């Protein structure tokens, strides 16, 4: 489906992207800790909402 060159480019691009995002987050870590204290609860809420949607889909399908 993809050529070898395209796969190599995709892998290199992905690794570079993750590296840059990690550097950016590490640089701003103090600011994130100060301003975004409830981020874990947002993640828990998002996962709970997703689980409810999944359960509703399964329940309505039957």
PDB file of N, CA and C in Angstrom:
ATOM      1  N   UNK A   1       0.823  -1.175   0.000  1.00  0.00           N
ATOM      2  CA  UNK A   1       0.000   0.000   0.000  1.00  0.00           C
ATOM      3  C   UNK A   1       0.879   1.256   0.000  1.00  0.00           C
ATOM      4  N   UNK A   2       1.878   1.293   0.855  1.00  0.00           N
ATOM      5  CA  UNK A   2       2.816   2.422   0.906  1.00  0.00           C
ATOM      6  C   UNK A   2       4.181   1.947   0.440  1.00  0.00           C
ATOM      7  N   UNK A   3       4.916   2.847  -0.156  1.00  0.00           N
ATOM      8  CA  UNK A   3       6.275   2.491  -0.566  1.00  0.00           C
ATOM      9  C   UNK A   3       7.201   2.541   0.656  1.00  0.00           C
ATOM     10  N   UNK A   4       8.362   1.995   0.504  1.00  0.00           N
ATOM     11  CA  UNK A   4       9.341   1.980   1.595  1.00  0.00           C
ATOM     12  C   UNK A   4       9.715   3.397   2.010  1.00  0.00           C
ATOM     13  N   UNK A   5       9.898   4.276   1.037  1.00  0.00           N
ATOM     14  CA  UNK A   5      10.250   5.661   1.333  1.00  0.00           C
ATOM     15  C   UNK A   5       9.163   6.383   2.120  1.00  0.00           C
ATOM     16  N   UNK A   6       7.911   6.104   1.778  1.00  0.00           N
ATOM     17  CA  UNK A   6       6.801   6.730   2.502  1.00  0.00           C
ATOM     18  C   UNK A   6       6.744   6.241   3.944  1.00  0.00           C
ATOM     19  N   UNK A   7       6.972   4.963   4.153  1.00  0.00           N
ATOM     20  CA  UNK A   7       6.965   4.422   5.521  1.00  0.00           C
ATOM     21  C   UNK A   7       8.109   4.996   6.351  1.00  0.00           C
ATOM     22  N   UNK A   8       9.279   5.098   5.761  1.00  0.00           N
ATOM     23  CA  UNK A   8      10.426   5.672   6.479  1.00  0.00           C
ATOM     24  C   UNK A   8      10.133   7.129   6.831  1.00  0.00           C
ATOM     25  N   UNK A   9       9.585   7.884   5.884  1.00  0.00           N
ATOM     26  CA  UNK A   9       9.234   9.275   6.152  1.00  0.00           C
ATOM     27  C   UNK A   9       8.203   9.374   7.272  1.00  0.00           C
ATOM     28  N   UNK A  10       7.175   8.533   7.241  1.00  0.00           N
ATOM     29  CA  UNK A  10       6.129   8.564   8.264  1.00  0.00           C
ATOM     30  C   UNK A  10       6.699   8.264   9.644  1.00  0.00           C
ATOM     31  N   UNK A  11       7.567   7.279   9.724  1.00  0.00           N
ATOM     32  CA  UNK A  11       8.172   6.927  11.020  1.00  0.00           C
ATOM     33  C   UNK A  11       9.054   8.064  11.526  1.00  0.00           C
ATOM     34  N   UNK A  12       9.875   8.629  10.650  1.00  0.00           N
ATOM     35  CA  UNK A  12      10.744   9.749  11.055  1.00  0.00           C
ATOM     36  C   UNK A  12       9.925  10.965  11.462  1.00  0.00           C
ATOM     37  N   UNK A  13       8.878  11.255  10.716  1.00  0.00           N
ATOM     38  CA  UNK A  13       8.018  12.385  11.037  1.00  0.00           C
ATOM     39  C   UNK A  13       7.352  12.186  12.394  1.00  0.00           C
ATOM     40  N   UNK A  14       6.833  10.987  12.637  1.00  0.00           N
ATOM     41  CA  UNK A  14       6.176  10.686  13.909  1.00  0.00           C
ATOM     42  C   UNK A  14       7.149  10.836  15.076  1.00  0.00           C
ATOM     43  N   UNK A  15       8.346  10.290  14.939  1.00  0.00           N
ATOM     44  CA  UNK A  15       9.332  10.381  16.019  1.00  0.00           C
ATOM     45  C   UNK A  15       9.733  11.829  16.276  1.00  0.00           C
ATOM     46  N   UNK A  16       9.940  12.599  15.221  1.00  0.00           N
ATOM     47  CA  UNK A  16      10.293  14.013  15.389  1.00  0.00           C
ATOM     48  C   UNK A  16       9.151  14.786  16.030  1.00  0.00           C
ATOM     49  N   UNK A  17       7.931  14.494  15.632  1.00  0.00           N
ATOM     50  CA  UNK A  17       6.763  15.169  16.192  1.00  0.00           C
ATOM     51  C   UNK A  17       6.647  14.885  17.691  1.00  0.00           C
ATOM     52  N   UNK A  18       6.772  13.633  18.076  1.00  0.00           N
ATOM     53  CA  UNK A  18       6.681  13.264  19.497  1.00  0.00           C
ATOM     54  C   UNK A  18       7.808  13.919  20.282  1.00  0.00           C
ATOM     55  N   UNK A  19       8.995  13.973  19.724  1.00  0.00           N
ATOM     56  CA  UNK A  19      10.149  14.589  20.393  1.00  0.00           C
ATOM     57  C   UNK A  19       9.913  16.073  20.622  1.00  0.00           C
ATOM     58  N   UNK A  20       9.416  16.785  19.608  1.00  0.00           N
ATOM     59  CA  UNK A  20       9.158  18.224  19.736  1.00  0.00           C
ATOM     60  C   UNK A  20       8.045  18.488  20.749  1.00  0.00           C
ATOM     61  N   UNK A  21       6.987  17.693  20.729  1.00  0.00           N
ATOM     62  CA  UNK A  21       5.890  17.859  21.691  1.00  0.00           C
ATOM     63  C   UNK A  21       6.404  17.620  23.103  1.00  0.00           C
ATOM     64  N   UNK A  22       7.217  16.602  23.282  1.00  0.00           N
ATOM     65  CA  UNK A  22       7.771  16.307  24.611  1.00  0.00           C
ATOM     66  C   UNK A  22       8.656  17.451  25.109  1.00  0.00           C
ATOM     67  N   UNK A  23       9.497  17.987  24.237  1.00  0.00           N
ATOM     68  CA  UNK A  23      10.347  19.116  24.621  1.00  0.00           C
ATOM     69  C   UNK A  23       9.501  20.335  25.001  1.00  0.00           C
ATOM     70  N   UNK A  24       8.464  20.599  24.235  1.00  0.00           N
ATOM     71  CA  UNK A  24       7.598  21.740  24.513  1.00  0.00           C
ATOM     72  C   UNK A  24       6.892  21.567  25.856  1.00  0.00           C
ATOM     73  N   UNK A  25       6.398  20.362  26.121  1.00  0.00           N
ATOM     74  CA  UNK A  25       5.713  20.116  27.386  1.00  0.00           C
ATOM     75  C   UNK A  25       6.685  20.225  28.557  1.00  0.00           C
ATOM     76  N   UNK A  26       7.874  19.676  28.400  1.00  0.00           N
ATOM     77  CA  UNK A  26       8.863  19.723  29.481  1.00  0.00           C
ATOM     78  C   UNK A  26       9.259  21.163  29.790  1.00  0.00           C
ATOM     79  N   UNK A  27       9.349  21.983  28.751  1.00  0.00           N
ATOM     80  CA  UNK A  27       9.710  23.382  28.927  1.00  0.00           C
ATOM     81  C   UNK A  27       8.634  24.136  29.719  1.00  0.00           C
ATOM     82  N   UNK A  28       7.372  23.817  29.478  1.00  0.00           N
ATOM     83  CA  UNK A  28       6.257  24.518  30.115  1.00  0.00           C
ATOM     84  C   UNK A  28       5.677  23.759  31.312  1.00  0.00           C
ATOM     85  N   UNK A  29       6.381  22.798  31.851  1.00  0.00           N
ATOM     86  CA  UNK A  29       5.844  21.934  32.900  1.00  0.00           C
ATOM     87  C   UNK A  29       5.450  22.710  34.167  1.00  0.00           C
ATOM     88  N   UNK A  30       6.265  23.676  34.579  1.00  0.00           N
ATOM     89  CA  UNK A  30       5.935  24.466  35.774  1.00  0.00           C
ATOM     90  C   UNK A  30       4.649  25.251  35.577  1.00  0.00           C
ATOM     91  N   UNK A  31       4.487  25.823  34.401  1.00  0.00           N
ATOM     92  CA  UNK A  31       3.271  26.589  34.112  1.00  0.00           C
ATOM     93  C   UNK A  31       2.060  25.664  34.098  1.00  0.00           C
ATOM     94  N   UNK A  32       2.205  24.474  33.526  1.00  0.00           N
ATOM     95  CA  UNK A  32       1.097  23.522  33.484  1.00  0.00           C
ATOM     96  C   UNK A  32       0.677  23.095  34.888  1.00  0.00           C
ATOM     97  N   UNK A  33       1.638  22.864  35.760  1.00  0.00           N
ATOM     98  CA  UNK A  33       1.312  22.447  37.121  1.00  0.00           C
ATOM     99  C   UNK A  33       0.602  23.548  37.881  1.00  0.00           C
ATOM    100  N   UNK A  34       0.916  24.799  37.571  1.00  0.00           N
ATOM    101  CA  UNK A  34       0.307  25.924  38.264  1.00  0.00           C
ATOM    102  C   UNK A  34      -1.124  26.173  37.787  1.00  0.00           C
ATOM    103  N   UNK A  35      -1.356  26.102  36.496  1.00  0.00           N
ATOM    104  CA  UNK A  35      -2.641  26.507  35.929  1.00  0.00           C
ATOM    105  C   UNK A  35      -3.605  25.354  35.659  1.00  0.00           C
ATOM    106  N   UNK A  36      -3.114  24.154  35.523  1.00  0.00           N
ATOM    107  CA  UNK A  36      -3.968  23.018  35.163  1.00  0.00           C
ATOM    108  C   UNK A  36      -3.901  21.945  36.248  1.00  0.00           C
ATOM    109  N   UNK A  37      -4.458  22.247  37.411  1.00  0.00           N
ATOM    110  CA  UNK A  37      -4.343  21.319  38.536  1.00  0.00           C
ATOM    111  C   UNK A  37      -5.300  20.138  38.436  1.00  0.00           C
ATOM    112  N   UNK A  38      -6.461  20.281  37.789  1.00  0.00           N
ATOM    113  CA  UNK A  38      -7.448  19.205  37.738  1.00  0.00           C
ATOM    114  C   UNK A  38      -7.433  18.416  36.448  1.00  0.00           C
ATOM    115  N   UNK A  39      -6.306  18.335  35.783  1.00  0.00           N
ATOM    116  CA  UNK A  39      -6.268  17.689  34.473  1.00  0.00           C
ATOM    117  C   UNK A  39      -6.564  16.195  34.543  1.00  0.00           C
ATOM    118  N   UNK A  40      -6.205  15.554  35.630  1.00  0.00           N
ATOM    119  CA  UNK A  40      -6.491  14.119  35.748  1.00  0.00           C
ATOM    120  C   UNK A  40      -7.988  13.870  35.822  1.00  0.00           C
ATOM    121  N   UNK A  41      -8.720  14.749  36.499  1.00  0.00           N
ATOM    122  CA  UNK A  41     -10.166  14.580  36.610  1.00  0.00           C
ATOM    123  C   UNK A  41     -10.855  14.805  35.270  1.00  0.00           C
ATOM    124  N   UNK A  42     -10.292  15.680  34.461  1.00  0.00           N
ATOM    125  CA  UNK A  42     -10.831  15.870  33.113  1.00  0.00           C
ATOM    126  C   UNK A  42     -10.650  14.592  32.304  1.00  0.00           C
ATOM    127  N   UNK A  43      -9.502  13.964  32.418  1.00  0.00           N
ATOM    128  CA  UNK A  43      -9.251  12.704  31.721  1.00  0.00           C
ATOM    129  C   UNK A  43     -10.188  11.610  32.217  1.00  0.00           C
ATOM    130  N   UNK A  44     -10.374  11.513  33.526  1.00  0.00           N
ATOM    131  CA  UNK A  44     -11.287  10.516  34.090  1.00  0.00           C
ATOM    132  C   UNK A  44     -12.709  10.767  33.591  1.00  0.00           C
ATOM    133  N   UNK A  45     -13.137  12.021  33.569  1.00  0.00           N
ATOM    134  CA  UNK A  45     -14.473  12.359  33.078  1.00  0.00           C
ATOM    135  C   UNK A  45     -14.639  12.020  31.613  1.00  0.00           C
ATOM    136  N   UNK A  46     -13.630  12.312  30.805  1.00  0.00           N
ATOM    137  CA  UNK A  46     -13.689  11.994  29.381  1.00  0.00           C
ATOM    138  C   UNK A  46     -13.791  10.488  29.168  1.00  0.00           C
ATOM    139  N   UNK A  47     -12.984   9.716  29.886  1.00  0.00           N
ATOM    140  CA  UNK A  47     -13.024   8.262  29.743  1.00  0.00           C
ATOM    141  C   UNK A  47     -14.359   7.690  30.223  1.00  0.00           C
ATOM    142  N   UNK A  48     -14.907   8.248  31.301  1.00  0.00           N
ATOM    143  CA  UNK A  48     -16.211   7.790  31.787  1.00  0.00           C
ATOM    144  C   UNK A  48     -17.305   8.099  30.762  1.00  0.00           C
ATOM    145  N   UNK A  49     -17.266   9.275  30.171  1.00  0.00           N
ATOM    146  CA  UNK A  49     -18.247   9.645  29.149  1.00  0.00           C
ATOM    147  C   UNK A  49     -18.127   8.725  27.941  1.00  0.00           C
ATOM    148  N   UNK A  50     -16.906   8.436  27.518  1.00  0.00           N
ATOM    149  CA  UNK A  50     -16.687   7.530  26.394  1.00  0.00           C
ATOM    150  C   UNK A  50     -17.228   6.140  26.721  1.00  0.00           C
ATOM    151  N   UNK A  51     -16.985   5.668  27.930  1.00  0.00           N
ATOM    152  CA  UNK A  51     -17.483   4.362  28.346  1.00  0.00           C
ATOM    153  C   UNK A  51     -19.006   4.340  28.350  1.00  0.00           C
ATOM    154  N   UNK A  52     -19.637   5.418  28.818  1.00  0.00           N
ATOM    155  CA  UNK A  52     -21.101   5.495  28.794  1.00  0.00           C
ATOM    156  C   UNK A  52     -21.636   5.459  27.369  1.00  0.00           C
ATOM    157  N   UNK A  53     -20.997   6.169  26.460  1.00  0.00           N
ATOM    158  CA  UNK A  53     -21.424   6.130  25.061  1.00  0.00           C
ATOM    159  C   UNK A  53     -21.280   4.724  24.482  1.00  0.00           C
ATOM    160  N   UNK A  54     -20.194   4.057  24.806  1.00  0.00           N
ATOM    161  CA  UNK A  54     -19.969   2.700  24.323  1.00  0.00           C
ATOM    162  C   UNK A  54     -21.023   1.744  24.882  1.00  0.00           C
ATOM    163  N   UNK A  55     -21.318   1.865  26.171  1.00  0.00           N
ATOM    164  CA  UNK A  55     -22.342   1.009  26.782  1.00  0.00           C
ATOM    165  C   UNK A  55     -23.720   1.287  26.195  1.00  0.00           C
ATOM    166  N   UNK A  56     -24.032   2.556  25.940  1.00  0.00           N
ATOM    167  CA  UNK A  56     -25.320   2.900  25.341  1.00  0.00           C
ATOM    168  C   UNK A  56     -25.427   2.311  23.934  1.00  0.00           C
ATOM    169  N   UNK A  57     -24.358   2.351  23.185  1.00  0.00           N
ATOM    170  CA  UNK A  57     -24.366   1.781  21.833  1.00  0.00           C
ATOM    171  C   UNK A  57     -24.611   0.279  21.886  1.00  0.00           C
ATOM    172  N   UNK A  58     -23.932  -0.401  22.795  1.00  0.00           N
ATOM    173  CA  UNK A  58     -24.106  -1.856  22.925  1.00  0.00           C
ATOM    174  C   UNK A  58     -25.522  -2.176  23.382  1.00  0.00           C
ATOM    175  N   UNK A  59     -26.033  -1.418  24.354  1.00  0.00           N
ATOM    176  CA  UNK A  59     -27.375  -1.659  24.899  1.00  0.00           C
ATOM    177  C   UNK A  59     -28.454  -1.417  23.849  1.00  0.00           C
ATOM    178  N   UNK A  60     -28.319  -0.356  23.057  1.00  0.00           N
ATOM    179  CA  UNK A  60     -29.319  -0.035  22.053  1.00  0.00           C
ATOM    180  C   UNK A  60     -29.251  -0.967  20.837  1.00  0.00           C
ATOM    181  N   UNK A  61     -28.111  -1.571  20.622  1.00  0.00           N
ATOM    182  CA  UNK A  61     -27.952  -2.469  19.497  1.00  0.00           C
ATOM    183  C   UNK A  61     -28.701  -3.787  19.736  1.00  0.00           C
ATOM    184  N   UNK A  62     -28.862  -4.186  20.980  1.00  0.00           N
ATOM    185  CA  UNK A  62     -29.513  -5.459  21.302  1.00  0.00           C
ATOM    186  C   UNK A  62     -31.005  -5.383  21.201  1.00  0.00           C
TER     187      UNK A  62
END
